[in-house]
Amino acid sequence: MKKLLASSYSGSLAFMQPAIEQYAIDFSSKLESNGIHLNDYSNVYKRIPQQQCAKYIDVIIKETSPCISINACKHLNPALLNAFGTGLLYSSSLRDFCHRYMNGFAFITNLIDVNFVEHNNESYLTITEAVDFNQVNSNYYSDIFSALTVSLLKLTVGPNSMVKKVCLTWTPPKDIMQNYLDFFGDNVEFSADKTMVVFDNKQMDDAFIWANETLAAKADKTVKEFIERSYSFDLTSKVTNVIAQLLPEGKCSKILIAEICGMSESTLQNKLNIEGTSFQKIVDNLRKKLAIDYLKDKDLTLEQISHKLGYYSCSNFSRAFKSWFGVTPVEYKKSRLGELALVG
């Protein structure tokens, strides 16, 4: 199977929605103001690119609570996880569950990699970050992975979820700490070296009550096909995602992008033409959008922004920015500071 570009399952938006709705906010508008349009993901095969995933998490944490992922998992509906959730529920044992969880987790997201590690006395599921996260995103993925694992196991084997210990890589603030203790119980460790859900090896081969190898195998096949179909869906989004990752390295050429996408340069352009765009349009649109985002960050210098956008010099970036917006980056930043002062 080809490796998906850095992205997440669009159904995760629906997964979080019930917990978000408890807060009196116009969440769709909040997302749209950050360039995320829910209607763009009405097709379940269209995945959310890494950059939009990061923004989405930043927005929901800011507008709700750092423990929103824990709250979302309290009343988990496995149907929202499609065949991935079904396969896990039909696993034959804890060992089988862990292997299926590791192999199919890319269905949900490949921004983190899941590993199943077995030792003499205990085994554990753990994650490694496959992309660079800010601290908010890193905390979120530590939470969501652990809470999702525990919730799915409770649905499979009951309240005694067979979890020996949960390790999170951060320590929640005191005002929300009780949420974590209520959810995970006393056997939760904070500020651990890595995120882990730990099991006692004595239980690894205990039979699950809902075990059905035939249905689990069918679910595995569906998950694999789903991921493969997602990979081939919406070339424009895939190309945009790859370009965003390569811009800071200055290696953003059509030839390289085509190679990463597994096709010739001419085939890439022809397929983009069908979707009503071109390689250069995608580069220009992405640079415009990212330029505005970066200029809102007062800690980034023009030199740093130029580098992030793949320009060799500030002057090249400034000329491009003025051709797009009619003002230089410096003038834009000054005008924005003025607007913020008026708001304040």
Protein backbone atom coordinates (compact mmCIF):
# COMPACT_ATOMS: atom_id res chain seq x y z
CA MET A 1 0.00 0.00 0.00
CA LYS A 2 1.27 3.49 -0.86
CA LYS A 3 1.90 5.69 2.13
CA LEU A 4 -0.64 8.45 2.49
CA LEU A 5 0.55 12.02 2.49
CA ALA A 6 0.42 13.59 5.95
CA SER A 7 -3.31 13.79 6.57
CA SER A 8 -6.23 12.66 8.73
CA TYR A 9 -9.62 11.04 8.19
CA SER A 10 -12.26 13.69 7.51
CA GLY A 11 -14.71 11.78 9.71
CA SER A 12 -12.70 12.98 12.69
CA LEU A 13 -14.54 16.31 12.32
CA ALA A 14 -17.83 14.52 13.04
CA PHE A 15 -16.16 12.52 15.80
CA MET A 16 -15.37 15.71 17.74
CA GLN A 17 -18.61 17.52 16.97
CA PRO A 18 -20.79 16.25 19.89
CA ALA A 19 -18.20 17.37 22.46
CA ILE A 20 -17.72 20.73 20.73
CA GLU A 21 -21.47 21.42 20.59
CA GLN A 22 -21.53 21.60 24.40
CA TYR A 23 -19.81 24.97 24.05
CA ALA A 24 -21.87 27.97 22.93
CA ILE A 25 -19.74 28.88 19.92
CA ASP A 26 -20.32 29.14 16.19
CA PHE A 27 -17.70 26.54 15.46
CA SER A 28 -18.14 26.49 11.68
CA SER A 29 -17.49 30.22 11.50
CA LYS A 30 -14.43 29.88 13.73
CA LEU A 31 -13.03 27.26 11.39
CA GLU A 32 -13.85 29.24 8.26
CA SER A 33 -12.04 32.28 9.63
CA ASN A 34 -8.99 30.02 9.82
CA GLY A 35 -9.40 28.74 6.28
CA ILE A 36 -11.11 25.42 7.15
CA HIS A 37 -14.44 24.82 5.41
CA LEU A 38 -16.40 21.80 6.64
CA ASN A 39 -18.20 21.48 3.31
CA ASP A 40 -14.86 20.70 1.68
CA TYR A 41 -14.91 17.35 3.50
CA SER A 42 -18.40 16.13 2.69
CA ASN A 43 -16.75 13.28 0.77
CA VAL A 44 -15.37 10.84 3.34
CA TYR A 45 -12.48 9.87 1.06
CA LYS A 46 -11.07 13.39 1.08
CA ARG A 47 -8.55 13.60 3.90
CA ILE A 48 -7.57 16.68 5.90
CA PRO A 49 -4.02 17.88 5.07
CA GLN A 50 -1.48 18.25 7.87
CA GLN A 51 -1.56 22.06 7.96
CA GLN A 52 -5.34 22.16 8.31
CA CYS A 53 -5.25 19.43 10.95
CA ALA A 54 -2.88 21.57 13.00
CA LYS A 55 -5.10 24.64 12.67
CA TYR A 56 -8.23 22.67 13.47
CA ILE A 57 -6.72 21.39 16.71
CA ASP A 58 -5.40 24.83 17.68
CA VAL A 59 -8.88 26.31 17.14
CA ILE A 60 -10.85 23.70 19.08
CA ILE A 61 -8.44 23.77 22.03
CA LYS A 62 -8.57 27.57 22.16
CA GLU A 63 -12.36 27.74 21.85
CA THR A 64 -13.22 24.80 24.13
CA SER A 65 -10.81 23.07 26.52
CA PRO A 66 -7.47 21.23 26.45
CA CYS A 67 -9.37 18.09 27.50
CA ILE A 68 -11.86 18.22 24.59
CA SER A 69 -10.48 14.99 23.12
CA ILE A 70 -11.09 13.18 26.43
CA ASN A 71 -14.67 14.47 26.47
CA ALA A 72 -15.20 13.35 22.87
CA CYS A 73 -14.15 9.79 23.73
CA LYS A 74 -16.51 9.48 26.71
CA HIS A 75 -19.41 8.60 24.44
CA LEU A 76 -17.57 7.14 21.49
CA ASN A 77 -19.64 5.87 18.59
CA PRO A 78 -17.45 3.28 16.80
CA ALA A 79 -19.56 3.71 13.65
CA LEU A 80 -17.82 7.05 13.13
CA LEU A 81 -14.57 5.10 12.76
CA ASN A 82 -16.06 3.07 9.91
CA ALA A 83 -14.57 -0.41 9.35
CA PHE A 84 -11.55 0.41 11.51
CA GLY A 85 -13.75 0.50 14.61
CA THR A 86 -15.72 -2.57 13.51
CA GLY A 87 -12.57 -4.66 13.01
CA LEU A 88 -11.31 -3.78 16.47
CA LEU A 89 -14.61 -4.77 18.09
CA TYR A 90 -14.45 -8.18 16.38
CA SER A 91 -10.82 -8.86 17.39
CA SER A 92 -10.19 -12.30 18.89
CA SER A 93 -7.86 -11.23 21.73
CA LEU A 94 -6.00 -8.27 23.17
CA ARG A 95 -2.94 -9.21 21.13
CA ASP A 96 -5.06 -9.36 17.97
CA PHE A 97 -6.63 -5.99 18.89
CA CYS A 98 -3.21 -4.36 19.33
CA HIS A 99 -1.86 -5.66 16.03
CA ARG A 100 -5.02 -4.52 14.19
CA TYR A 101 -4.85 -1.14 15.93
CA MET A 102 -1.23 -0.64 14.87
CA ASN A 103 -1.78 -1.77 11.27
CA GLY A 104 -4.97 0.20 10.65
CA PHE A 105 -4.42 3.43 12.55
CA ALA A 106 -3.43 5.28 9.36
CA PHE A 107 -7.16 5.15 8.60
CA ILE A 108 -7.60 7.80 11.31
CA THR A 109 -4.33 9.69 10.81
CA ASN A 110 -0.77 9.11 9.71
CA LEU A 111 0.48 12.22 11.51
CA ILE A 112 1.45 9.77 14.24
CA ASP A 113 2.72 6.21 13.90
CA VAL A 114 1.42 3.51 16.23
CA ASN A 115 3.68 0.71 17.43
CA PHE A 116 2.89 -2.41 19.42
CA VAL A 117 5.81 -3.43 21.65
CA GLU A 118 5.95 -6.74 23.56
CA HIS A 119 8.22 -7.40 26.55
CA ASN A 120 8.43 -10.27 29.04
CA ASN A 121 5.91 -9.07 31.60
CA GLU A 122 4.03 -6.26 29.91
CA SER A 123 3.33 -4.92 26.44
CA TYR A 124 2.15 -1.57 25.20
CA LEU A 125 0.80 0.49 22.34
CA THR A 126 2.80 3.66 21.81
CA ILE A 127 3.05 6.48 19.30
CA THR A 128 5.76 8.48 17.61
CA GLU A 129 5.13 11.79 15.88
CA ALA A 130 5.55 11.41 12.12
CA VAL A 131 5.53 15.19 11.55
CA ASP A 132 6.58 18.24 13.56
CA PHE A 133 3.90 19.35 16.02
CA ASN A 134 3.55 22.47 18.11
CA GLN A 135 3.02 21.78 21.80
CA VAL A 136 -0.77 22.11 21.64
CA ASN A 137 -0.99 19.53 18.85
CA SER A 138 1.48 17.22 20.58
CA ASN A 139 -0.60 17.24 23.78
CA TYR A 140 -3.78 16.66 21.79
CA TYR A 141 -2.45 13.59 19.99
CA SER A 142 -1.13 12.13 23.24
CA ASP A 143 -4.64 12.54 24.68
CA ILE A 144 -6.68 11.40 21.71
CA PHE A 145 -4.61 8.29 21.07
CA SER A 146 -4.78 7.18 24.72
CA ALA A 147 -8.45 8.04 25.22
CA LEU A 148 -9.46 6.41 21.94
CA THR A 149 -7.57 3.22 22.80
CA VAL A 150 -9.16 2.95 26.24
CA SER A 151 -12.65 3.74 24.91
CA LEU A 152 -12.46 1.14 22.13
CA LEU A 153 -11.27 -1.49 24.58
CA LYS A 154 -14.14 -0.69 26.96
CA LEU A 155 -16.58 -1.15 24.09
CA THR A 156 -14.92 -4.47 23.26
CA VAL A 157 -14.38 -6.07 26.68
CA GLY A 158 -16.39 -3.96 29.11
CA PRO A 159 -15.46 -1.58 31.97
CA ASN A 160 -12.43 -3.69 32.86
CA SER A 161 -10.64 -2.60 29.71
CA MET A 162 -7.51 -4.66 30.45
CA VAL A 163 -5.42 -1.47 30.57
CA LYS A 164 -2.69 -1.62 33.20
CA LYS A 165 -1.43 1.96 32.88
CA VAL A 166 -1.75 5.02 30.65
CA CYS A 167 1.20 7.36 30.10
CA LEU A 168 0.73 10.89 28.73
CA THR A 169 3.58 13.14 27.67
CA TRP A 170 2.23 16.26 29.35
CA THR A 171 0.61 17.34 32.61
CA PRO A 172 -2.83 18.96 32.28
CA PRO A 173 -3.56 22.14 34.28
CA LYS A 174 -5.06 21.65 37.74
CA ASP A 175 -8.49 22.94 36.71
CA ILE A 176 -8.99 20.05 34.26
CA MET A 177 -6.85 17.38 35.94
CA GLN A 178 -9.89 15.64 37.43
CA ASN A 179 -11.24 14.98 33.93
CA TYR A 180 -8.19 12.82 33.24
CA LEU A 181 -8.34 11.02 36.58
CA ASP A 182 -12.04 10.28 36.09
CA PHE A 183 -11.46 8.97 32.58
CA PHE A 184 -8.25 6.96 33.00
CA GLY A 185 -8.44 6.15 36.71
CA ASP A 186 -5.56 6.27 39.17
CA ASN A 187 -3.13 4.40 36.89
CA VAL A 188 -2.33 7.38 34.71
CA GLU A 189 1.16 8.87 34.53
CA PHE A 190 1.73 12.45 33.39
CA SER A 191 4.82 14.02 31.77
CA ALA A 192 6.01 10.57 30.70
CA ASP A 193 8.82 10.10 28.19
CA LYS A 194 6.36 8.75 25.64
CA THR A 195 2.66 8.16 25.19
CA MET A 196 1.75 4.56 26.03
CA VAL A 197 -1.20 2.34 26.86
CA VAL A 198 0.28 -0.54 28.87
CA PHE A 199 -1.08 -4.10 29.29
CA ASP A 200 -0.25 -7.12 31.43
CA ASN A 201 1.05 -9.96 29.25
CA LYS A 202 -1.04 -12.46 31.22
CA GLN A 203 -4.13 -11.09 29.48
CA MET A 204 -2.77 -10.73 25.94
CA ASP A 205 -4.34 -13.97 24.66
CA ASP A 206 -7.60 -13.95 26.61
CA ALA A 207 -10.49 -14.50 24.19
CA PHE A 208 -12.76 -11.52 23.45
CA ILE A 209 -16.49 -12.18 23.80
CA TRP A 210 -17.41 -10.60 20.43
CA ALA A 211 -14.57 -12.31 18.54
CA ASN A 212 -15.35 -12.99 14.88
CA GLU A 213 -12.32 -13.61 12.69
CA THR A 214 -14.34 -13.61 9.45
CA LEU A 215 -15.94 -10.21 10.09
CA ALA A 216 -12.66 -8.80 11.43
CA ALA A 217 -10.86 -9.89 8.24
CA LYS A 218 -13.56 -8.25 6.09
CA ALA A 219 -13.17 -5.05 8.09
CA ASP A 220 -9.40 -5.14 7.63
CA LYS A 221 -9.86 -5.43 3.87
CA THR A 222 -12.30 -2.52 3.86
CA VAL A 223 -9.89 -0.36 5.84
CA LYS A 224 -7.08 -1.13 3.40
CA GLU A 225 -9.28 -0.33 0.41
CA PHE A 226 -10.54 2.84 2.07
CA ILE A 227 -7.01 4.11 2.65
CA GLU A 228 -5.97 3.27 -0.92
CA ARG A 229 -9.00 5.06 -2.33
CA SER A 230 -8.35 8.07 -0.08
CA TYR A 231 -4.82 8.18 -1.42
CA SER A 232 -6.06 8.54 -4.99
CA PHE A 233 -8.73 11.13 -4.17
CA ASP A 234 -8.28 14.86 -4.85
CA LEU A 235 -4.86 15.35 -6.39
CA THR A 236 -4.94 19.10 -5.75
CA SER A 237 -5.08 18.60 -1.98
CA LYS A 238 -2.28 16.02 -2.10
CA VAL A 239 -0.03 18.26 -4.19
CA THR A 240 -0.77 21.24 -1.91
CA ASN A 241 0.16 19.20 1.13
CA VAL A 242 3.46 18.01 -0.39
CA ILE A 243 4.38 21.52 -1.54
CA ALA A 244 3.71 22.92 1.94
CA GLN A 245 6.15 20.41 3.42
CA LEU A 246 8.87 21.07 0.82
CA LEU A 247 8.70 24.87 0.53
CA PRO A 248 11.08 25.56 3.45
CA GLU A 249 13.62 23.18 1.91
CA GLY A 250 13.64 25.05 -1.40
CA LYS A 251 13.02 21.78 -3.27
CA CYS A 252 9.55 22.51 -4.54
CA SER A 253 9.85 21.53 -8.22
CA LYS A 254 7.14 20.03 -10.42
CA ILE A 255 9.41 17.11 -11.28
CA LEU A 256 9.95 16.20 -7.62
CA ILE A 257 6.26 16.59 -6.73
CA ALA A 258 5.28 14.35 -9.65
CA GLU A 259 7.78 11.73 -8.51
CA ILE A 260 6.40 11.80 -4.95
CA CYS A 261 2.87 11.39 -6.33
CA GLY A 262 4.01 8.41 -8.40
CA MET A 263 3.47 9.85 -11.88
CA SER A 264 5.23 11.70 -14.68
CA GLU A 265 5.38 15.48 -14.82
CA SER A 266 3.03 15.59 -17.82
CA THR A 267 0.53 13.23 -16.14
CA LEU A 268 0.58 15.38 -13.02
CA GLN A 269 -0.21 18.51 -15.00
CA ASN A 270 -2.92 16.82 -17.04
CA LYS A 271 -4.67 15.57 -13.90
CA LEU A 272 -4.41 18.99 -12.27
CA ASN A 273 -5.88 20.54 -15.43
CA ILE A 274 -8.89 18.23 -15.05
CA GLU A 275 -9.32 19.53 -11.48
CA GLY A 276 -9.19 23.10 -12.84
CA THR A 277 -5.80 24.13 -11.57
CA SER A 278 -2.06 23.91 -12.29
CA PHE A 279 1.14 23.31 -10.37
CA GLN A 280 2.04 27.01 -10.42
CA LYS A 281 -1.43 28.09 -9.29
CA ILE A 282 -1.20 25.74 -6.32
CA VAL A 283 2.24 27.10 -5.37
CA ASP A 284 1.09 30.73 -5.70
CA ASN A 285 -2.18 30.19 -3.77
CA LEU A 286 -0.41 28.34 -0.99
CA ARG A 287 2.29 31.01 -0.68
CA LYS A 288 -0.34 33.76 -0.53
CA LYS A 289 -2.26 32.00 2.21
CA LEU A 290 0.80 31.04 4.25
CA ALA A 291 2.32 34.53 3.86
CA ILE A 292 -0.70 36.11 5.57
CA ASP A 293 -0.69 33.46 8.30
CA TYR A 294 3.03 33.93 8.98
CA LEU A 295 2.81 37.72 9.02
CA LYS A 296 0.23 37.46 11.81
CA ASP A 297 2.93 35.82 13.93
CA LYS A 298 4.84 38.68 15.54
CA ASP A 299 7.71 36.36 16.47
CA LEU A 300 8.60 35.56 12.84
CA THR A 301 11.01 37.85 10.99
CA LEU A 302 10.66 38.59 7.27
CA GLU A 303 13.78 36.54 6.67
CA GLN A 304 12.25 33.53 8.45
CA ILE A 305 8.98 33.93 6.54
CA SER A 306 10.83 34.17 3.23
CA HIS A 307 12.64 30.93 4.05
CA LYS A 308 9.43 29.15 5.06
CA LEU A 309 7.88 30.12 1.72
CA GLY A 310 10.86 28.91 -0.28
CA TYR A 311 12.25 32.30 -1.34
CA TYR A 312 15.98 32.82 -1.49
CA SER A 313 15.79 36.42 -0.25
CA CYS A 314 13.48 38.85 1.53
CA SER A 315 13.46 41.09 -1.55
CA ASN A 316 12.05 38.29 -3.73
CA PHE A 317 9.35 37.60 -1.16
CA SER A 318 8.52 41.31 -0.83
CA ARG A 319 8.14 41.74 -4.61
CA ALA A 320 5.87 38.71 -4.84
CA PHE A 321 3.77 39.84 -1.86
CA LYS A 322 3.27 43.33 -3.34
CA SER A 323 2.20 41.82 -6.68
CA TRP A 324 -0.44 39.78 -4.81
CA PHE A 325 -1.79 42.34 -2.35
CA GLY A 326 -0.62 45.76 -3.53
CA VAL A 327 1.42 46.41 -0.38
CA THR A 328 4.76 45.17 0.92
CA PRO A 329 4.91 42.70 3.83
CA VAL A 330 6.20 45.50 6.09
CA GLU A 331 3.30 47.76 5.12
CA TYR A 332 0.83 44.94 5.68
CA LYS A 333 2.25 44.20 9.11
CA LYS A 334 2.09 47.88 10.11
CA SER A 335 -1.53 48.17 8.96
CA ARG A 336 -2.45 45.01 10.86
CA LEU A 337 -0.84 46.31 14.03
CA GLY A 338 -2.85 49.48 13.61
CA GLU A 339 -6.08 47.50 13.27
CA LEU A 340 -5.28 45.47 16.37
CA ALA A 341 -4.58 48.65 18.33
CA LEU A 342 -7.98 50.03 17.33
CA VAL A 343 -9.67 46.79 18.39
CA GLY A 344 -7.85 46.84 21.70
